[in-house]
Amino acid sequence: MGVVVNLFVTYFAAFAAAFLTAMLAFPLWRRCCIRVGLVDDPGHRKIHDEPMPLAGGLTVFTGLAVPMVFALAAVVFHDQLPFSVPALDAYTMSLLEYGMNRRAIELAAIFLGAIGMLLVGLLDDRTELKPAVKFSCQFAVAALVAVSGVRITLFVPNILFSYAVTILWILTVINAFNFMDNMNGLCSGLGAIGAFYFALVSATAGQYLVALIAFLTCGALAGFLPYNFPRARAFLGDSGSHLVGYLLAVLGILPHFYTPKNPNAYAVFGPLLILAVPLGDLVWVVYLRWRMGKPFYVGDTNHLSHRLVQLGLARTKAVLLIWLLAAVIGAVVLI
């Protein structure tokens, strides 16, 4: 029981640290974005009437990275610290050391990939990259992650299949969240819900390091959410939606949904259920654009959120309803 309590404290500390870091970092990044002109100007299909800072991606990344770096330093140099870290007892420290040593290359690739996706999004926010250039950058990051060893197998013992399905999954989830970033709080809220479910799945399966990454992601998104919903003081921007999609895609790969303790082949559908709302919206919108003869990357108002507003719901209520839908579908994984 003591081990469970200690792990719970560690998970809560990870969430709280990311949450507070993101909340404290936001005012700084908001001022920086306004100063350098990294803003979303009003225009066609825009719901705001004044320039809005695109500080979400930088805020979420800071909320994720700063606690992660401090935790890494605490684990690596714990023998030299003049004080003890309450959330990192000896047993938890040994688990984290084991996980970090075993997955060092994967963790490094995941972190570099997060930086890469953030930079791609920032460039797109700043200069509006051509679709082919943006897709190529996304592909490069996805390939880096796959090469590092973070891959999907799906019971098919073929390395080429593993690479192909992993890269396809990462690209799909990134663009699904990018598409869902069309109303205040929608993308960041869905990301927080998804990260929370991945955290629970990993924690209950004893995958402590994966659970910590998921709780950090959830905390960072939750820390930004009050600035983005219901009234926005900043947007995620492409930097934020790319980063959120990337993190959720990786979190969908890292947990072992099929294990000897849980030998249910249907468990591999867990990530699809947790991310059912953004993935379903992506499939629906791409299909409609194909039927209308439009490029799939050209924006429109056929997303689920837009449809709900067209039916008479206020934007805030539409977002809350979509969050609820994602939470209910994701809960099936726990059952």
Protein backbone atom coordinates (compact mmCIF):
# COMPACT_ATOMS: atom_id res chain seq x y z
CA MET A 1 0.00 0.00 0.00
CA GLY A 2 2.89 2.35 0.80
CA VAL A 3 4.31 1.89 -2.70
CA VAL A 4 0.95 2.78 -4.26
CA VAL A 5 0.68 5.92 -2.13
CA ASN A 6 4.22 7.00 -3.02
CA LEU A 7 3.54 6.52 -6.73
CA PHE A 8 0.30 8.46 -6.43
CA VAL A 9 2.20 11.32 -4.78
CA THR A 10 4.79 11.22 -7.58
CA TYR A 11 2.13 11.29 -10.30
CA PHE A 12 0.29 14.14 -8.58
CA ALA A 13 3.56 16.04 -8.18
CA ALA A 14 4.29 15.63 -11.90
CA PHE A 15 0.84 16.93 -12.85
CA ALA A 16 1.00 19.82 -10.37
CA ALA A 17 4.53 20.85 -11.39
CA ALA A 18 3.59 20.95 -15.08
CA PHE A 19 0.33 22.76 -14.33
CA LEU A 20 1.98 25.48 -12.24
CA THR A 21 4.93 25.87 -14.62
CA ALA A 22 2.61 26.39 -17.58
CA MET A 23 0.47 28.89 -15.66
CA LEU A 24 3.51 30.88 -14.58
CA ALA A 25 5.18 30.70 -18.00
CA PHE A 26 2.16 31.91 -19.96
CA PRO A 27 2.37 35.67 -19.17
CA LEU A 28 6.02 35.69 -20.24
CA TRP A 29 5.38 33.89 -23.53
CA ARG A 30 2.31 36.03 -24.22
CA ARG A 31 4.34 39.22 -23.92
CA CYS A 32 7.13 37.76 -26.07
CA CYS A 33 4.69 36.76 -28.82
CA ILE A 34 3.11 40.22 -28.87
CA ARG A 35 6.54 41.86 -28.96
CA VAL A 36 7.83 39.81 -31.92
CA GLY A 37 4.52 39.82 -33.78
CA LEU A 38 3.75 36.12 -33.38
CA VAL A 39 0.00 36.67 -33.44
CA ASP A 40 -3.08 35.45 -35.28
CA ASP A 41 -4.65 38.39 -37.07
CA PRO A 42 -8.43 38.63 -37.61
CA GLY A 43 -9.64 37.47 -40.99
CA HIS A 44 -11.71 34.98 -42.95
CA ARG A 45 -13.17 32.15 -40.79
CA LYS A 46 -11.69 33.83 -37.69
CA ILE A 47 -13.85 34.42 -34.61
CA HIS A 48 -11.64 37.06 -32.97
CA ASP A 49 -11.54 40.72 -33.88
CA GLU A 50 -8.07 41.62 -32.60
CA PRO A 51 -4.59 40.06 -32.96
CA MET A 52 -4.25 37.05 -30.66
CA PRO A 53 -0.83 35.87 -29.36
CA LEU A 54 0.10 32.34 -30.46
CA ALA A 55 1.69 31.48 -27.11
CA GLY A 56 0.06 28.10 -26.46
CA GLY A 57 2.74 25.86 -27.92
CA LEU A 58 5.55 27.60 -26.05
CA THR A 59 3.54 27.54 -22.82
CA VAL A 60 2.71 23.83 -23.04
CA PHE A 61 6.28 22.91 -23.97
CA THR A 62 7.64 24.90 -21.02
CA GLY A 63 5.17 23.23 -18.66
CA LEU A 64 6.31 19.85 -19.92
CA ALA A 65 10.04 20.41 -20.27
CA VAL A 66 10.97 22.33 -17.11
CA PRO A 67 9.61 19.75 -14.59
CA MET A 68 11.02 16.96 -16.77
CA VAL A 69 14.52 18.45 -16.70
CA PHE A 70 14.35 18.98 -12.94
CA ALA A 71 13.11 15.41 -12.40
CA LEU A 72 15.88 14.04 -14.61
CA ALA A 73 18.48 16.02 -12.68
CA ALA A 74 17.03 14.80 -9.37
CA VAL A 75 17.23 11.17 -10.49
CA VAL A 76 20.72 11.41 -11.97
CA PHE A 77 22.26 13.46 -9.16
CA HIS A 78 20.14 12.32 -6.21
CA ASP A 79 23.23 11.07 -4.30
CA GLN A 80 24.77 14.55 -4.47
CA LEU A 81 21.70 16.55 -3.49
CA PRO A 82 21.86 18.16 -0.02
CA PHE A 83 18.12 17.54 0.39
CA SER A 84 15.59 14.86 -0.47
CA VAL A 85 12.78 15.25 -2.98
CA PRO A 86 9.50 14.29 -1.23
CA ALA A 87 7.88 12.88 -4.37
CA LEU A 88 10.92 10.75 -5.20
CA ASP A 89 11.48 8.14 -2.50
CA ALA A 90 14.11 5.43 -2.89
CA TYR A 91 11.79 2.90 -4.53
CA THR A 92 10.33 5.41 -6.98
CA MET A 93 13.84 6.61 -7.75
CA SER A 94 14.94 3.07 -8.58
CA LEU A 95 11.96 2.60 -10.91
CA LEU A 96 12.70 5.84 -12.74
CA GLU A 97 16.42 5.06 -13.00
CA TYR A 98 15.61 1.67 -14.49
CA GLY A 99 13.15 3.15 -16.98
CA MET A 100 15.46 5.98 -18.00
CA ASN A 101 18.41 3.66 -18.55
CA ARG A 102 16.29 1.19 -20.51
CA ARG A 103 14.63 3.80 -22.70
CA ALA A 104 17.28 6.51 -22.84
CA ILE A 105 17.49 6.62 -26.65
CA GLU A 106 13.71 6.58 -27.04
CA LEU A 107 13.25 9.35 -24.47
CA ALA A 108 15.89 11.50 -26.16
CA ALA A 109 14.21 11.01 -29.54
CA ILE A 110 10.78 11.83 -28.10
CA PHE A 111 12.10 15.03 -26.54
CA LEU A 112 13.90 16.07 -29.74
CA GLY A 113 10.76 15.26 -31.69
CA ALA A 114 8.73 17.54 -29.40
CA ILE A 115 11.20 20.36 -30.03
CA GLY A 116 11.05 19.63 -33.77
CA MET A 117 7.25 19.73 -33.88
CA LEU A 118 7.20 22.94 -31.85
CA LEU A 119 9.65 24.58 -34.28
CA VAL A 120 7.71 23.39 -37.34
CA GLY A 121 4.55 24.87 -35.86
CA LEU A 122 6.26 28.14 -34.99
CA LEU A 123 7.56 28.46 -38.55
CA ASP A 124 4.06 27.75 -39.86
CA ASP A 125 2.59 30.34 -37.49
CA ARG A 126 5.16 32.87 -38.61
CA THR A 127 5.43 32.28 -42.36
CA GLU A 128 2.58 29.85 -43.22
CA LEU A 129 4.56 26.96 -44.62
CA LYS A 130 3.45 25.27 -47.82
CA PRO A 131 1.54 22.03 -47.15
CA ALA A 132 4.24 19.89 -48.76
CA VAL A 133 6.98 21.47 -46.64
CA LYS A 134 4.98 21.12 -43.44
CA PHE A 135 4.11 17.50 -44.19
CA SER A 136 7.76 16.72 -44.95
CA CYS A 137 8.82 18.14 -41.59
CA GLN A 138 6.13 16.13 -39.81
CA PHE A 139 7.30 13.00 -41.63
CA ALA A 140 10.92 13.61 -40.60
CA VAL A 141 9.97 13.90 -36.92
CA ALA A 142 7.78 10.79 -37.10
CA ALA A 143 10.59 8.85 -38.75
CA LEU A 144 13.03 9.96 -36.03
CA VAL A 145 10.72 8.58 -33.36
CA ALA A 146 10.24 5.30 -35.22
CA VAL A 147 13.99 4.86 -35.75
CA SER A 148 14.61 5.37 -32.02
CA GLY A 149 12.53 2.28 -31.22
CA VAL A 150 9.15 3.84 -30.39
CA ARG A 151 7.11 1.74 -32.80
CA ILE A 152 3.78 -0.04 -33.24
CA THR A 153 3.89 -3.79 -33.93
CA LEU A 154 0.21 -4.91 -33.98
CA PHE A 155 1.27 -8.58 -33.88
CA VAL A 156 2.86 -8.30 -37.35
CA PRO A 157 6.55 -9.38 -37.17
CA ASN A 158 7.66 -7.19 -40.04
CA ILE A 159 9.98 -4.25 -39.45
CA LEU A 160 8.88 -2.34 -42.56
CA PHE A 161 5.23 -2.65 -41.52
CA SER A 162 6.15 -1.44 -38.04
CA TYR A 163 7.88 1.65 -39.41
CA ALA A 164 5.07 2.42 -41.86
CA VAL A 165 2.19 2.10 -39.39
CA THR A 166 4.07 4.09 -36.72
CA ILE A 167 4.82 6.99 -39.05
CA LEU A 168 1.26 6.92 -40.39
CA TRP A 169 -0.16 6.96 -36.85
CA ILE A 170 1.97 9.93 -35.76
CA LEU A 171 1.15 11.93 -38.90
CA THR A 172 -2.56 11.17 -38.56
CA VAL A 173 -2.83 12.18 -34.90
CA ILE A 174 -0.79 15.36 -35.41
CA ASN A 175 -3.09 16.51 -38.19
CA ALA A 176 -6.21 15.38 -36.34
CA PHE A 177 -5.39 17.72 -33.46
CA ASN A 178 -4.34 20.44 -35.87
CA PHE A 179 -7.79 20.19 -37.49
CA MET A 180 -9.51 20.29 -34.08
CA ASP A 181 -7.89 23.59 -33.15
CA ASN A 182 -10.85 25.62 -34.39
CA MET A 183 -12.51 26.86 -31.19
CA ASN A 184 -11.30 28.18 -27.85
CA GLY A 185 -10.11 25.34 -25.63
CA LEU A 186 -11.16 22.53 -27.96
CA CYS A 187 -7.75 21.16 -28.94
CA SER A 188 -6.05 21.77 -25.59
CA GLY A 189 -9.00 20.27 -23.68
CA LEU A 190 -9.11 17.15 -25.85
CA GLY A 191 -5.34 16.81 -25.42
CA ALA A 192 -5.63 17.02 -21.63
CA ILE A 193 -8.41 14.40 -21.59
CA GLY A 194 -6.44 12.06 -23.83
CA ALA A 195 -3.25 12.47 -21.82
CA PHE A 196 -5.16 11.78 -18.60
CA TYR A 197 -6.51 8.48 -19.92
CA PHE A 198 -3.10 7.42 -21.22
CA ALA A 199 -1.70 8.27 -17.77
CA LEU A 200 -4.28 6.08 -16.03
CA VAL A 201 -3.75 3.17 -18.42
CA SER A 202 0.03 3.34 -17.98
CA ALA A 203 -0.13 3.76 -14.20
CA THR A 204 -2.43 0.78 -13.70
CA ALA A 205 -0.21 -1.35 -15.95
CA GLY A 206 2.88 -0.46 -13.89
CA GLN A 207 4.49 1.58 -16.68
CA TYR A 208 5.65 4.32 -14.36
CA LEU A 209 7.82 6.35 -16.71
CA VAL A 210 5.14 6.48 -19.41
CA ALA A 211 2.57 7.47 -16.78
CA LEU A 212 4.78 10.33 -15.61
CA ILE A 213 5.18 11.65 -19.16
CA ALA A 214 1.40 11.47 -19.62
CA PHE A 215 0.70 13.25 -16.31
CA LEU A 216 3.24 15.95 -17.23
CA THR A 217 1.52 16.42 -20.60
CA CYS A 218 -1.90 16.56 -18.96
CA GLY A 219 -0.69 19.08 -16.39
CA ALA A 220 0.94 21.34 -18.97
CA LEU A 221 -2.23 21.41 -21.07
CA ALA A 222 -4.44 21.97 -18.03
CA GLY A 223 -2.18 24.86 -16.99
CA PHE A 224 -2.68 26.56 -20.35
CA LEU A 225 -6.41 25.83 -20.62
CA PRO A 226 -7.65 28.68 -18.32
CA TYR A 227 -5.94 31.14 -20.68
CA ASN A 228 -7.58 29.53 -23.71
CA PHE A 229 -11.13 28.78 -22.51
CA PRO A 230 -13.83 30.01 -22.43
CA ARG A 231 -12.37 33.38 -23.39
CA ALA A 232 -8.97 33.21 -25.01
CA ARG A 233 -6.04 35.37 -24.04
CA ALA A 234 -3.92 33.37 -26.47
CA PHE A 235 -4.25 30.57 -29.02
CA LEU A 236 -2.38 27.31 -29.31
CA GLY A 237 -1.42 28.14 -32.87
CA ASP A 238 0.06 25.53 -35.18
CA SER A 239 3.00 25.24 -32.79
CA GLY A 240 0.64 24.19 -30.02
CA SER A 241 -1.66 21.93 -32.04
CA HIS A 242 1.35 20.21 -33.65
CA LEU A 243 2.96 19.68 -30.27
CA VAL A 244 -0.26 18.39 -28.67
CA GLY A 245 -0.92 16.01 -31.55
CA TYR A 246 2.64 14.73 -31.46
CA LEU A 247 2.61 14.12 -27.71
CA LEU A 248 -0.73 12.29 -27.84
CA ALA A 249 0.47 10.19 -30.79
CA VAL A 250 3.57 9.13 -28.84
CA LEU A 251 1.52 8.45 -25.72
CA GLY A 252 -0.65 6.19 -27.85
CA ILE A 253 2.42 4.11 -28.76
CA LEU A 254 4.34 3.94 -25.49
CA PRO A 255 1.88 2.07 -23.22
CA HIS A 256 1.66 -1.71 -23.60
CA PHE A 257 -2.10 -2.12 -23.95
CA TYR A 258 -1.61 -5.85 -24.64
CA THR A 259 0.39 -7.51 -21.87
CA PRO A 260 0.62 -10.98 -20.25
CA LYS A 261 -1.47 -9.58 -17.39
CA ASN A 262 -4.00 -8.18 -19.87
CA PRO A 263 -3.92 -10.64 -22.82
CA ASN A 264 -6.91 -9.10 -24.55
CA ALA A 265 -6.18 -8.51 -28.23
CA TYR A 266 -8.91 -5.87 -28.36
CA ALA A 267 -6.92 -3.78 -25.88
CA VAL A 268 -4.77 -2.49 -28.75
CA PHE A 269 -7.80 -0.45 -29.81
CA GLY A 270 -7.38 1.60 -26.63
CA PRO A 271 -5.57 4.52 -28.31
CA LEU A 272 -8.25 4.65 -31.01
CA LEU A 273 -10.96 4.97 -28.36
CA ILE A 274 -9.05 7.54 -26.30
CA LEU A 275 -8.50 9.66 -29.44
CA ALA A 276 -11.78 8.72 -31.14
CA VAL A 277 -13.14 12.28 -31.30
CA PRO A 278 -10.22 14.02 -33.07
CA LEU A 279 -9.61 10.98 -35.31
CA GLY A 280 -13.29 10.70 -36.21
CA ASP A 281 -13.48 14.40 -36.99
CA LEU A 282 -10.41 14.12 -39.23
CA VAL A 283 -11.85 11.19 -41.21
CA TRP A 284 -15.22 12.91 -41.61
CA VAL A 285 -13.81 16.26 -42.76
CA VAL A 286 -11.29 14.71 -45.17
CA TYR A 287 -14.07 12.58 -46.67
CA LEU A 288 -16.33 15.61 -47.15
CA ARG A 289 -13.55 17.63 -48.76
CA TRP A 290 -12.77 14.73 -51.09
CA ARG A 291 -16.46 14.46 -52.06
CA MET A 292 -16.54 18.21 -52.78
CA GLY A 293 -13.33 18.03 -54.80
CA LYS A 294 -11.40 20.26 -52.38
CA PRO A 295 -7.82 19.69 -51.13
CA PHE A 296 -8.00 17.99 -47.72
CA TYR A 297 -5.71 20.61 -46.18
CA VAL A 298 -7.91 23.61 -47.07
CA GLY A 299 -9.91 24.65 -44.01
CA ASP A 300 -13.70 24.88 -43.87
CA THR A 301 -16.55 24.84 -41.35
CA ASN A 302 -17.54 21.18 -41.58
CA HIS A 303 -15.89 20.10 -38.33
CA LEU A 304 -17.96 18.59 -35.51
CA SER A 305 -17.64 21.80 -33.48
CA HIS A 306 -18.93 23.91 -36.37
CA ARG A 307 -21.84 21.51 -36.96
CA LEU A 308 -22.90 21.78 -33.32
CA VAL A 309 -22.83 25.58 -33.51
CA GLN A 310 -24.88 25.46 -36.71
CA LEU A 311 -27.45 23.39 -34.79
CA GLY A 312 -27.83 26.26 -32.32
CA LEU A 313 -25.32 25.54 -29.54
CA ALA A 314 -23.14 28.34 -28.24
CA ARG A 315 -19.43 27.81 -28.94
CA THR A 316 -18.64 27.22 -25.26
CA LYS A 317 -21.37 24.60 -24.96
CA ALA A 318 -20.25 22.93 -28.18
CA VAL A 319 -16.72 22.60 -26.82
CA LEU A 320 -17.98 21.26 -23.48
CA LEU A 321 -20.15 18.70 -25.28
CA ILE A 322 -17.21 17.49 -27.37
CA TRP A 323 -15.05 17.21 -24.24
CA LEU A 324 -17.79 15.14 -22.61
CA LEU A 325 -18.03 12.90 -25.67
CA ALA A 326 -14.27 12.32 -25.61
CA ALA A 327 -14.32 11.59 -21.88
CA VAL A 328 -17.15 9.07 -22.20
CA ILE A 329 -15.63 7.20 -25.15
CA GLY A 330 -12.20 7.19 -23.50
CA ALA A 331 -13.65 5.73 -20.31
CA VAL A 332 -14.44 2.54 -22.23
CA VAL A 333 -10.72 1.77 -22.19
CA LEU A 334 -10.71 1.69 -18.37
CA ILE A 335 -13.73 -0.63 -18.32
